[in-house]
Amino acid sequence: MIRRLTYCTPVLLLLVATTLFLGSCQRKGDPRFRDVEQLRPENRITHMEMIREYGALKVVTEYNSISYFLYRGQPLGFQYEMLQELANHMNLPLEVSVSNDLGRNFSDLQEGQVDLIAMNLTITSSRKQDVAFTEPLLQTRQVLVQRKQEDAALIRNQLDLEGKEIYVQAGSVYEARLRALSNEIGGGINIREVNLESERLIQRVALGEIDYAVCDENVGLVNATYFPQLDVGTAISFPQHVAWAIHPRSDSLKKVIDQWITGYRMTDKYAILYHKYFNNRHSYRSIHSEYYTLGSGKISPFDAVIKKESERIGWDWRLFASVVYQESRFNPDAVSWAGAFGLMQLMPVTAKSYGITIDSSPQEQIRAGASFIKWLDDRFKDVIDDPDERIKFVLASYNIGLGHIQDARRLAAQYESDPNIWFGSVDQWLLKKSEPEYYTDAVVRHGFARGIETYNFVKDILDRYEHYKNIVNNEVIASW
């Protein structure tokens, strides 16, 4: 479960009298370690206690075809799927941010902006001076990336790197290894540090824009499957451990993660996950299609009309795309057991009111769904001023019907909850509409409702929307 948390929670009683950075409530982005050392030992709390008080595990990962990406509108990736397993183990939501800037990520970790860096990080002695590493996730080694050419021999001897221009990601371990290697062979390697992650450099080698780069072997082997003109058979380092990085004072978090990794690496789940991303060449080729978002910039085959209709109703197109995925997985021929059909899964009566049938085109289906969303939004405009909060009520109404949501709002007001707040208020009263005590209440006009599906519907769409925001630009178009 992934959620951007923005609401306040009570602060632990032992902190009330202190000036700890948490203040009167936890907010997204609050540093986790500032001023902790000013507390007396008996008043200090652990990092795990801070995380649980905040209510989510905050991680930063990188976007590439291994760690984290979108494929057919769904978030995937070796790091991402492991993080999901860890979060489930910790019984915490996962709050994901994405950055391929290594320097920024290490800085954010030091400042307490994130709890964990989940990237393909090799463990080095220099890095250990600044961060703590978890138990290793896997092993790899650094390799030279070069093109196969009929009229030129491949570099196999490291001595032949003298005089070669080799590109590496700035701030990465590759630069340090190349400098050490350059000294070992008597100098002469021209090292070019650039602000591009290794996978983008691999692609530039494949396209002939540069001649050489360095990457981790597991990443290189996977990319060489998609770019058969590449060779990654020349190692420039010994095998190295790959792990996650945490704050050096985060002993309690390290203990939890280390115990989990040690056990998880022995499971079939880990073996299947590793095979999926590092050994299954067919899967990798499938991912690198027009539906691989990092490569194509697309979420779905219907992005153009989704953008157009989103602009018409004033929504972020990535949010609307998340709705379409939730309803139909972008399948225009989808039909539910209840008769809802198409990309937007409109029920026949609602669809008819917008002039569409099961034979309508995908563009017409999406336009009808957008119009229905706009109609629902208009119903709440006069009572819920916060547009972000209103979106949640619109989504819930789209799923279960406006009447049931209005019932839940009336129940919230009657029992002194806020009828204009979704999470932690109206969503809970919607869940209670499956209980006779509440669906028979005098303020309830639409009877029984099984609210759990709607509860998950809203959460899932917003969680996926966060993934889409991580990876896809919020661009709009003038026409379709």
Protein backbone atom coordinates (compact mmCIF):
# COMPACT_ATOMS: atom_id res chain seq x y z
CA MET A 1 0.00 0.00 0.00
CA ILE A 2 1.40 3.38 -0.98
CA ARG A 3 0.05 6.69 0.20
CA ARG A 4 1.29 10.24 0.44
CA LEU A 5 0.45 11.13 4.03
CA THR A 6 -0.42 14.73 4.72
CA TYR A 7 -2.61 14.51 7.81
CA CYS A 8 -1.52 15.12 11.42
CA THR A 9 -1.27 12.47 14.12
CA PRO A 10 -0.89 12.87 17.90
CA VAL A 11 2.68 13.17 19.11
CA LEU A 12 4.02 10.68 21.60
CA LEU A 13 3.46 11.94 25.16
CA LEU A 14 7.12 11.74 26.03
CA LEU A 15 7.86 14.36 23.38
CA VAL A 16 5.32 16.95 24.48
CA ALA A 17 7.77 18.80 26.67
CA THR A 18 10.63 18.65 24.21
CA THR A 19 11.58 20.68 21.20
CA LEU A 20 11.98 17.60 19.01
CA PHE A 21 11.55 18.33 15.33
CA LEU A 22 8.25 16.48 15.18
CA GLY A 23 6.46 19.48 16.60
CA SER A 24 2.69 19.22 17.14
CA CYS A 25 2.07 16.93 14.16
CA GLN A 26 3.90 14.88 11.59
CA ARG A 27 4.05 16.29 8.10
CA LYS A 28 5.38 14.92 4.86
CA GLY A 29 9.04 15.82 4.57
CA ASP A 30 9.76 16.37 8.29
CA PRO A 31 13.37 15.40 9.04
CA ARG A 32 13.65 12.36 11.28
CA PHE A 33 16.93 12.95 13.11
CA ARG A 34 17.29 16.69 13.71
CA ASP A 35 17.93 17.56 17.38
CA VAL A 36 17.44 13.96 18.57
CA GLU A 37 20.83 14.06 20.27
CA GLN A 38 19.66 17.00 22.42
CA LEU A 39 17.29 14.71 24.31
CA ARG A 40 18.32 12.97 27.52
CA PRO A 41 18.90 9.22 26.93
CA GLU A 42 15.78 8.29 28.88
CA ASN A 43 13.67 10.51 26.59
CA ARG A 44 15.06 9.38 23.24
CA ILE A 45 12.91 7.39 20.89
CA THR A 46 14.04 5.01 18.20
CA HIS A 47 13.83 5.59 14.48
CA MET A 48 11.28 2.78 14.22
CA GLU A 49 9.10 4.58 16.77
CA MET A 50 9.39 7.75 14.68
CA ILE A 51 8.40 5.87 11.54
CA ARG A 52 5.36 4.30 13.21
CA GLU A 53 4.34 7.65 14.66
CA TYR A 54 4.60 9.19 11.20
CA GLY A 55 2.57 6.33 9.79
CA ALA A 56 4.59 5.28 6.72
CA LEU A 57 7.99 4.08 5.57
CA LYS A 58 9.55 6.79 3.40
CA VAL A 59 11.83 5.48 0.68
CA VAL A 60 13.56 6.87 -2.37
CA THR A 61 14.34 4.66 -5.33
CA GLU A 62 15.54 5.12 -8.89
CA TYR A 63 13.56 4.85 -12.10
CA ASN A 64 14.91 2.41 -14.64
CA SER A 65 13.95 -0.92 -16.16
CA ILE A 66 15.06 -2.85 -13.09
CA SER A 67 14.36 -0.86 -9.95
CA TYR A 68 11.05 0.94 -10.58
CA PHE A 69 8.99 1.68 -13.68
CA LEU A 70 5.49 1.59 -15.13
CA TYR A 71 4.39 -1.09 -17.58
CA ARG A 72 0.85 -1.08 -18.98
CA GLY A 73 -0.06 1.43 -16.29
CA GLN A 74 1.10 -0.75 -13.39
CA PRO A 75 4.14 -0.01 -11.16
CA LEU A 76 6.77 -2.75 -11.30
CA GLY A 77 10.46 -3.25 -10.54
CA PHE A 78 12.81 -5.40 -8.50
CA GLN A 79 13.37 -2.72 -5.84
CA TYR A 80 9.71 -1.72 -5.82
CA GLU A 81 8.38 -5.24 -5.34
CA MET A 82 10.88 -5.93 -2.56
CA LEU A 83 9.88 -2.68 -0.87
CA GLN A 84 6.24 -3.73 -1.04
CA GLU A 85 7.10 -7.01 0.65
CA LEU A 86 9.07 -5.16 3.34
CA ALA A 87 6.27 -2.66 3.96
CA ASN A 88 3.76 -5.50 4.27
CA HIS A 89 6.07 -7.21 6.76
CA MET A 90 6.30 -4.00 8.79
CA ASN A 91 2.55 -3.43 8.47
CA LEU A 92 3.16 0.10 7.21
CA PRO A 93 2.14 2.04 4.11
CA LEU A 94 4.97 2.73 1.68
CA GLU A 95 5.66 6.32 0.67
CA VAL A 96 7.77 6.27 -2.49
CA SER A 97 9.70 9.12 -4.05
CA VAL A 98 11.88 8.79 -7.12
CA SER A 99 15.26 10.34 -7.84
CA ASN A 100 18.24 9.17 -9.88
CA ASP A 101 20.42 11.89 -8.33
CA LEU A 102 22.73 9.96 -6.01
CA GLY A 103 24.06 13.05 -4.26
CA ARG A 104 20.59 14.33 -3.51
CA ASN A 105 19.46 10.94 -2.25
CA PHE A 106 22.35 10.59 0.17
CA SER A 107 21.75 14.16 1.36
CA ASP A 108 18.05 13.50 1.91
CA LEU A 109 18.93 10.40 3.93
CA GLN A 110 21.37 12.32 6.11
CA GLU A 111 18.79 15.07 6.70
CA GLY A 112 16.06 12.58 7.59
CA GLN A 113 13.86 13.35 4.60
CA VAL A 114 13.74 9.63 3.76
CA ASP A 115 14.20 6.51 5.86
CA LEU A 116 15.75 4.32 3.20
CA ILE A 117 17.54 4.53 -0.15
CA ALA A 118 16.42 1.51 -2.17
CA MET A 119 18.69 1.47 -5.20
CA ASN A 120 21.29 -0.81 -6.76
CA LEU A 121 23.91 0.47 -4.29
CA THR A 122 27.23 -1.31 -4.06
CA ILE A 123 28.74 -1.42 -0.58
CA THR A 124 32.06 0.46 -0.40
CA SER A 125 34.28 1.56 2.48
CA SER A 126 33.94 5.22 1.49
CA ARG A 127 30.15 5.04 1.53
CA LYS A 128 30.22 3.33 4.93
CA GLN A 129 31.65 6.53 6.36
CA ASP A 130 28.36 8.32 5.64
CA VAL A 131 25.61 5.69 5.69
CA ALA A 132 24.80 2.29 7.10
CA PHE A 133 24.00 -0.58 4.75
CA THR A 134 21.45 -3.32 5.17
CA GLU A 135 22.18 -6.97 4.65
CA PRO A 136 23.07 -7.50 0.96
CA LEU A 137 20.25 -8.10 -1.52
CA LEU A 138 22.48 -9.64 -4.20
CA GLN A 139 25.97 -9.58 -5.68
CA THR A 140 27.23 -7.97 -8.85
CA ARG A 141 30.40 -6.50 -10.36
CA GLN A 142 31.19 -3.49 -12.50
CA VAL A 143 31.53 -4.07 -16.23
CA LEU A 144 32.51 -2.11 -19.31
CA VAL A 145 29.67 -1.38 -21.74
CA GLN A 146 30.80 -1.38 -25.40
CA ARG A 147 29.35 -2.03 -28.85
CA LYS A 148 30.07 -5.10 -30.91
CA GLN A 149 31.59 -3.99 -34.21
CA GLU A 150 32.69 -6.14 -37.11
CA ASP A 151 35.76 -4.04 -37.85
CA ALA A 152 36.98 -3.59 -34.27
CA ALA A 153 37.99 -6.02 -31.54
CA LEU A 154 36.25 -5.85 -28.18
CA ILE A 155 38.25 -4.66 -25.19
CA ARG A 156 38.98 -7.63 -22.97
CA ASN A 157 42.23 -6.57 -21.33
CA GLN A 158 41.87 -3.72 -18.84
CA LEU A 159 45.24 -2.37 -20.01
CA ASP A 160 43.56 -1.51 -23.31
CA LEU A 161 41.39 1.08 -21.54
CA GLU A 162 44.30 3.52 -21.68
CA GLY A 163 43.34 6.48 -23.86
CA LYS A 164 39.65 5.56 -23.91
CA GLU A 165 36.89 7.99 -22.96
CA ILE A 166 34.50 6.27 -20.53
CA TYR A 167 31.25 7.79 -19.27
CA VAL A 168 29.96 7.22 -15.73
CA GLN A 169 27.19 8.61 -13.57
CA ALA A 170 28.38 11.49 -11.37
CA GLY A 171 28.73 10.51 -7.74
CA SER A 172 28.64 6.78 -8.49
CA VAL A 173 31.14 4.13 -7.40
CA TYR A 174 32.08 3.66 -11.05
CA GLU A 175 34.12 6.84 -11.10
CA ALA A 176 36.15 5.81 -8.04
CA ARG A 177 36.78 2.35 -9.47
CA LEU A 178 37.91 3.76 -12.83
CA ARG A 179 40.31 6.17 -11.13
CA ALA A 180 41.79 3.32 -9.13
CA LEU A 181 42.04 1.21 -12.29
CA SER A 182 43.64 4.10 -14.17
CA ASN A 183 46.32 4.33 -11.49
CA GLU A 184 46.82 0.56 -11.59
CA ILE A 185 47.52 0.58 -15.35
CA GLY A 186 49.68 3.71 -15.24
CA GLY A 187 47.06 6.34 -16.05
CA GLY A 188 45.43 7.41 -19.26
CA ILE A 189 41.75 6.57 -18.80
CA ASN A 190 39.63 9.64 -19.68
CA ILE A 191 36.77 9.53 -17.17
CA ARG A 192 33.70 11.61 -18.03
CA GLU A 193 31.28 12.15 -15.11
CA VAL A 194 27.80 13.17 -16.27
CA ASN A 195 24.42 13.60 -14.61
CA LEU A 196 22.90 10.57 -16.31
CA GLU A 197 22.16 7.26 -14.63
CA SER A 198 23.92 4.17 -15.91
CA GLU A 199 20.95 2.80 -17.85
CA ARG A 200 20.69 5.96 -19.94
CA LEU A 201 24.41 5.77 -20.61
CA ILE A 202 23.97 2.15 -21.70
CA GLN A 203 21.37 3.29 -24.21
CA ARG A 204 23.72 5.98 -25.54
CA VAL A 205 26.41 3.39 -26.11
CA ALA A 206 23.87 1.20 -27.92
CA LEU A 207 22.85 4.10 -30.16
CA GLY A 208 26.47 4.99 -30.96
CA GLU A 209 26.38 8.37 -29.21
CA ILE A 210 29.24 7.38 -26.91
CA ASP A 211 31.67 4.46 -27.09
CA TYR A 212 32.06 3.29 -23.50
CA ALA A 213 30.25 3.38 -20.17
CA VAL A 214 30.32 1.41 -16.91
CA CYS A 215 27.42 -0.24 -15.10
CA ASP A 216 26.65 -3.10 -12.74
CA GLU A 217 26.79 -6.46 -14.46
CA ASN A 218 23.22 -7.47 -13.62
CA VAL A 219 21.90 -4.23 -15.11
CA GLY A 220 24.17 -4.59 -18.13
CA LEU A 221 23.11 -8.17 -18.86
CA VAL A 222 19.44 -7.25 -18.77
CA ASN A 223 19.93 -4.27 -21.09
CA ALA A 224 22.08 -6.31 -23.47
CA THR A 225 19.04 -8.52 -24.02
CA TYR A 226 17.16 -5.57 -25.42
CA PHE A 227 20.22 -4.11 -27.19
CA PRO A 228 21.94 -7.15 -28.73
CA GLN A 229 24.64 -4.89 -30.21
CA LEU A 230 26.03 -4.38 -26.69
CA ASP A 231 28.77 -6.31 -24.96
CA VAL A 232 29.10 -6.30 -21.16
CA GLY A 233 31.57 -9.17 -20.82
CA THR A 234 34.58 -7.20 -19.57
CA ALA A 235 34.69 -6.86 -15.79
CA ILE A 236 36.55 -3.94 -14.21
CA SER A 237 35.93 -4.89 -10.56
CA PHE A 238 35.67 -7.88 -8.26
CA PRO A 239 32.17 -9.05 -7.17
CA GLN A 240 30.53 -6.56 -4.83
CA HIS A 241 27.52 -6.67 -2.53
CA VAL A 242 24.42 -4.63 -3.39
CA ALA A 243 22.32 -3.32 -0.51
CA TRP A 244 20.02 -0.55 0.67
CA ALA A 245 21.30 2.48 2.60
CA ILE A 246 19.91 3.83 5.88
CA HIS A 247 20.92 6.55 8.31
CA PRO A 248 23.98 5.54 10.40
CA ARG A 249 22.06 6.17 13.64
CA SER A 250 19.09 4.11 12.50
CA ASP A 251 19.91 0.96 14.47
CA SER A 252 16.30 0.01 15.16
CA LEU A 253 15.31 0.23 11.48
CA LYS A 254 18.45 -1.62 10.40
CA LYS A 255 17.68 -4.46 12.77
CA VAL A 256 14.15 -4.88 11.41
CA ILE A 257 15.23 -4.72 7.76
CA ASP A 258 18.26 -6.99 8.22
CA GLN A 259 16.19 -9.68 9.88
CA TRP A 260 13.61 -9.47 7.10
CA ILE A 261 16.18 -9.57 4.26
CA THR A 262 17.97 -12.56 5.81
CA GLY A 263 14.72 -14.50 5.87
CA TYR A 264 13.29 -13.20 2.61
CA ARG A 265 16.35 -14.14 0.55
CA MET A 266 15.76 -17.78 1.52
CA THR A 267 12.18 -17.82 0.21
CA ASP A 268 10.71 -18.91 -3.11
CA LYS A 269 9.26 -15.41 -3.46
CA TYR A 270 12.73 -13.91 -3.66
CA ALA A 271 13.92 -16.54 -6.13
CA ILE A 272 10.91 -15.89 -8.37
CA LEU A 273 11.39 -12.12 -8.12
CA TYR A 274 15.09 -12.35 -8.96
CA HIS A 275 14.36 -14.57 -11.94
CA LYS A 276 11.64 -12.21 -13.12
CA TYR A 277 13.94 -9.20 -13.39
CA PHE A 278 17.41 -10.64 -13.97
CA ASN A 279 17.05 -14.00 -15.70
CA ASN A 280 13.81 -13.85 -17.68
CA ARG A 281 14.96 -12.30 -20.95
CA HIS A 282 11.54 -12.73 -22.58
CA SER A 283 9.92 -10.62 -19.87
CA TYR A 284 12.49 -7.89 -20.35
CA ARG A 285 11.87 -7.73 -24.08
CA SER A 286 8.12 -7.52 -23.43
CA ILE A 287 8.60 -4.70 -20.98
CA HIS A 288 10.54 -2.66 -23.52
CA SER A 289 7.50 -2.09 -25.70
CA GLU A 290 5.44 1.01 -26.32
CA TYR A 291 3.75 0.39 -22.97
CA TYR A 292 7.02 0.68 -21.04
CA THR A 293 6.52 4.18 -19.68
CA LEU A 294 10.14 5.16 -19.11
CA GLY A 295 10.98 4.34 -22.71
CA SER A 296 7.87 5.67 -24.43
CA GLY A 297 6.44 8.27 -22.05
CA LYS A 298 3.08 6.50 -22.41
CA ILE A 299 0.84 5.09 -19.73
CA SER A 300 -1.70 3.57 -22.10
CA PRO A 301 -2.76 3.45 -25.76
CA PHE A 302 -5.38 6.08 -24.91
CA ASP A 303 -3.18 8.80 -23.40
CA ALA A 304 -4.10 11.42 -26.00
CA VAL A 305 -7.84 11.30 -25.37
CA ILE A 306 -7.30 10.92 -21.61
CA LYS A 307 -5.24 14.14 -21.66
CA LYS A 308 -7.83 15.96 -23.72
CA GLU A 309 -10.77 14.96 -21.52
CA SER A 310 -8.82 15.60 -18.32
CA GLU A 311 -8.10 19.12 -19.46
CA ARG A 312 -11.80 19.61 -20.21
CA ILE A 313 -12.85 18.65 -16.67
CA GLY A 314 -9.86 20.23 -14.90
CA TRP A 315 -8.20 17.03 -13.68
CA ASP A 316 -4.59 15.93 -13.78
CA TRP A 317 -4.50 13.46 -16.67
CA ARG A 318 -2.43 11.02 -14.63
CA LEU A 319 -5.20 10.84 -12.05
CA PHE A 320 -7.78 10.19 -14.76
CA ALA A 321 -5.49 7.54 -16.28
CA SER A 322 -5.35 5.84 -12.89
CA VAL A 323 -9.16 5.72 -12.85
CA VAL A 324 -9.26 4.12 -16.32
CA TYR A 325 -6.68 1.54 -15.29
CA GLN A 326 -8.61 0.74 -12.11
CA GLU A 327 -11.83 0.25 -14.02
CA SER A 328 -10.68 -1.73 -17.04
CA ARG A 329 -6.88 -2.20 -17.12
CA PHE A 330 -7.15 -0.15 -20.33
CA ASN A 331 -9.25 -2.86 -21.99
CA PRO A 332 -12.08 -1.24 -24.03
CA ASP A 333 -13.85 -4.62 -24.30
CA ALA A 334 -14.03 -5.27 -20.55
CA VAL A 335 -17.48 -6.26 -19.22
CA SER A 336 -18.22 -6.84 -15.54
CA TRP A 337 -20.55 -9.42 -14.01
CA ALA A 338 -22.99 -6.57 -13.27
CA GLY A 339 -23.08 -5.34 -16.88
CA ALA A 340 -20.70 -2.37 -16.58
CA PHE A 341 -18.70 -2.13 -19.78
CA GLY A 342 -15.80 -0.49 -21.57
CA LEU A 343 -12.81 1.49 -20.45
CA MET A 344 -14.79 3.45 -17.88
CA GLN A 345 -17.02 0.55 -16.74
CA LEU A 346 -20.18 2.63 -16.82
CA MET A 347 -23.41 0.84 -15.99
CA PRO A 348 -25.85 0.65 -18.93
CA VAL A 349 -28.28 3.23 -17.48
CA THR A 350 -25.51 5.76 -16.83
CA ALA A 351 -23.91 5.02 -20.19
CA LYS A 352 -27.21 5.57 -21.98
CA SER A 353 -27.59 9.01 -20.39
CA TYR A 354 -24.27 9.98 -22.00
CA GLY A 355 -25.20 8.49 -25.35
CA ILE A 356 -22.86 5.50 -25.44
CA THR A 357 -23.34 1.76 -25.80
CA ILE A 358 -21.11 -1.28 -25.57
CA ASP A 359 -20.22 -0.69 -29.23
CA SER A 360 -19.04 2.90 -28.70
CA SER A 361 -15.43 3.73 -29.51
CA PRO A 362 -12.78 4.02 -26.77
CA GLN A 363 -12.71 7.77 -27.32
CA GLU A 364 -16.47 8.00 -26.75
CA GLN A 365 -16.24 5.80 -23.68
CA ILE A 366 -13.54 7.99 -22.13
CA ARG A 367 -15.45 11.18 -22.91
CA ALA A 368 -18.58 9.78 -21.27
CA GLY A 369 -16.63 8.77 -18.18
CA ALA A 370 -15.06 12.21 -17.94
CA SER A 371 -18.48 13.84 -18.25
CA PHE A 372 -19.83 11.66 -15.46
CA ILE A 373 -16.86 12.62 -13.26
CA LYS A 374 -17.55 16.28 -13.98
CA TRP A 375 -21.20 15.81 -13.04
CA LEU A 376 -20.20 14.23 -9.73
CA ASP A 377 -17.67 16.96 -9.04
CA ASP A 378 -20.38 19.59 -9.53
CA ARG A 379 -22.50 17.85 -6.87
CA PHE A 380 -19.77 18.40 -4.26
CA LYS A 381 -18.44 21.82 -5.23
CA ASP A 382 -20.70 23.78 -2.94
CA VAL A 383 -19.98 21.64 0.14
CA ILE A 384 -16.34 20.54 -0.15
CA ASP A 385 -14.06 23.47 -0.94
CA ASP A 386 -10.76 21.59 -0.92
CA PRO A 387 -10.33 20.25 -4.49
CA ASP A 388 -7.97 17.48 -3.39
CA GLU A 389 -10.44 16.29 -0.78
CA ARG A 390 -13.33 16.59 -3.23
CA ILE A 391 -11.56 14.23 -5.65
CA LYS A 392 -11.82 11.43 -3.09
CA PHE A 393 -15.58 11.89 -2.79
CA VAL A 394 -15.94 11.98 -6.57
CA LEU A 395 -13.97 8.75 -6.90
CA ALA A 396 -16.01 7.05 -4.21
CA SER A 397 -19.28 8.19 -5.81
CA TYR A 398 -18.10 7.00 -9.22
CA ASN A 399 -17.63 3.55 -7.75
CA ILE A 400 -20.62 3.04 -5.47
CA GLY A 401 -23.03 5.82 -6.34
CA LEU A 402 -23.64 9.34 -5.08
CA GLY A 403 -26.48 8.29 -2.78
CA HIS A 404 -24.38 5.95 -0.65
CA ILE A 405 -21.66 8.58 -0.25
CA GLN A 406 -24.21 11.16 0.84
CA ASP A 407 -25.52 8.63 3.36
CA ALA A 408 -22.01 8.17 4.73
CA ARG A 409 -21.58 11.95 4.99
CA ARG A 410 -24.85 12.24 6.93
CA LEU A 411 -23.74 9.44 9.28
CA ALA A 412 -20.42 11.21 9.81
CA ALA A 413 -22.17 14.47 10.70
CA GLN A 414 -24.60 12.73 13.02
CA TYR A 415 -21.81 11.01 14.94
CA GLU A 416 -19.69 14.18 15.08
CA SER A 417 -17.16 13.23 12.41
CA ASP A 418 -16.20 15.60 9.60
CA PRO A 419 -18.50 14.97 6.60
CA ASN A 420 -16.04 16.74 4.28
CA ILE A 421 -12.97 14.60 5.02
CA TRP A 422 -12.61 11.21 3.36
CA PHE A 423 -9.75 9.26 4.96
CA GLY A 424 -10.38 8.57 8.62
CA SER A 425 -13.90 10.02 8.56
CA VAL A 426 -16.46 9.43 5.79
CA ASP A 427 -14.66 6.34 4.51
CA GLN A 428 -15.15 4.74 7.93
CA TRP A 429 -18.87 5.53 7.95
CA LEU A 430 -19.24 4.08 4.49
CA LEU A 431 -17.70 0.86 5.81
CA LYS A 432 -20.30 0.86 8.61
CA LYS A 433 -23.13 0.92 6.06
CA SER A 434 -22.85 -2.87 5.88
CA GLU A 435 -23.93 -3.10 9.53
CA PRO A 436 -27.70 -3.11 10.38
CA GLU A 437 -27.20 -0.60 13.21
CA TYR A 438 -26.11 1.99 10.66
CA TYR A 439 -27.82 1.16 7.35
CA THR A 440 -31.15 1.29 9.19
CA ASP A 441 -30.34 4.67 10.77
CA ALA A 442 -32.91 7.38 10.08
CA VAL A 443 -30.40 9.54 8.17
CA VAL A 444 -29.59 6.70 5.75
CA ARG A 445 -31.73 6.86 2.61
CA HIS A 446 -30.12 4.25 0.39
CA GLY A 447 -29.83 1.27 2.69
CA PHE A 448 -27.13 -1.39 2.82
CA ALA A 449 -23.80 -0.85 1.07
CA ARG A 450 -20.71 -3.02 0.97
CA GLY A 451 -18.24 -0.21 1.37
CA ILE A 452 -14.96 -2.13 1.39
CA GLU A 453 -14.73 -2.19 -2.41
CA THR A 454 -15.16 1.58 -2.58
CA TYR A 455 -12.71 2.10 0.27
CA ASN A 456 -10.09 0.14 -1.70
CA PHE A 457 -11.12 1.76 -4.99
CA VAL A 458 -10.27 5.26 -3.76
CA LYS A 459 -7.06 4.18 -2.05
CA ASP A 460 -5.81 2.17 -5.02
CA ILE A 461 -6.45 4.97 -7.53
CA LEU A 462 -4.68 7.56 -5.40
CA ASP A 463 -1.77 5.23 -4.68
CA ARG A 464 -1.31 4.51 -8.39
CA TYR A 465 -1.62 8.22 -9.14
CA GLU A 466 1.44 8.79 -6.92
CA HIS A 467 3.36 6.30 -9.07
CA TYR A 468 2.25 8.06 -12.24
CA LYS A 469 3.35 11.42 -10.80
CA ASN A 470 6.74 9.92 -9.93
CA ILE A 471 7.44 8.94 -13.51
CA VAL A 472 5.21 10.76 -16.01
CA ASN A 473 5.17 14.50 -16.71
CA ASN A 474 1.89 16.35 -16.29
CA GLU A 475 1.63 17.52 -19.87
CA VAL A 476 -1.59 18.37 -21.68
CA ILE A 477 -2.43 18.66 -25.36
CA ALA A 478 -4.57 21.09 -27.29
CA SER A 479 -6.44 18.52 -29.35
CA TRP A 480 -6.70 14.81 -29.87
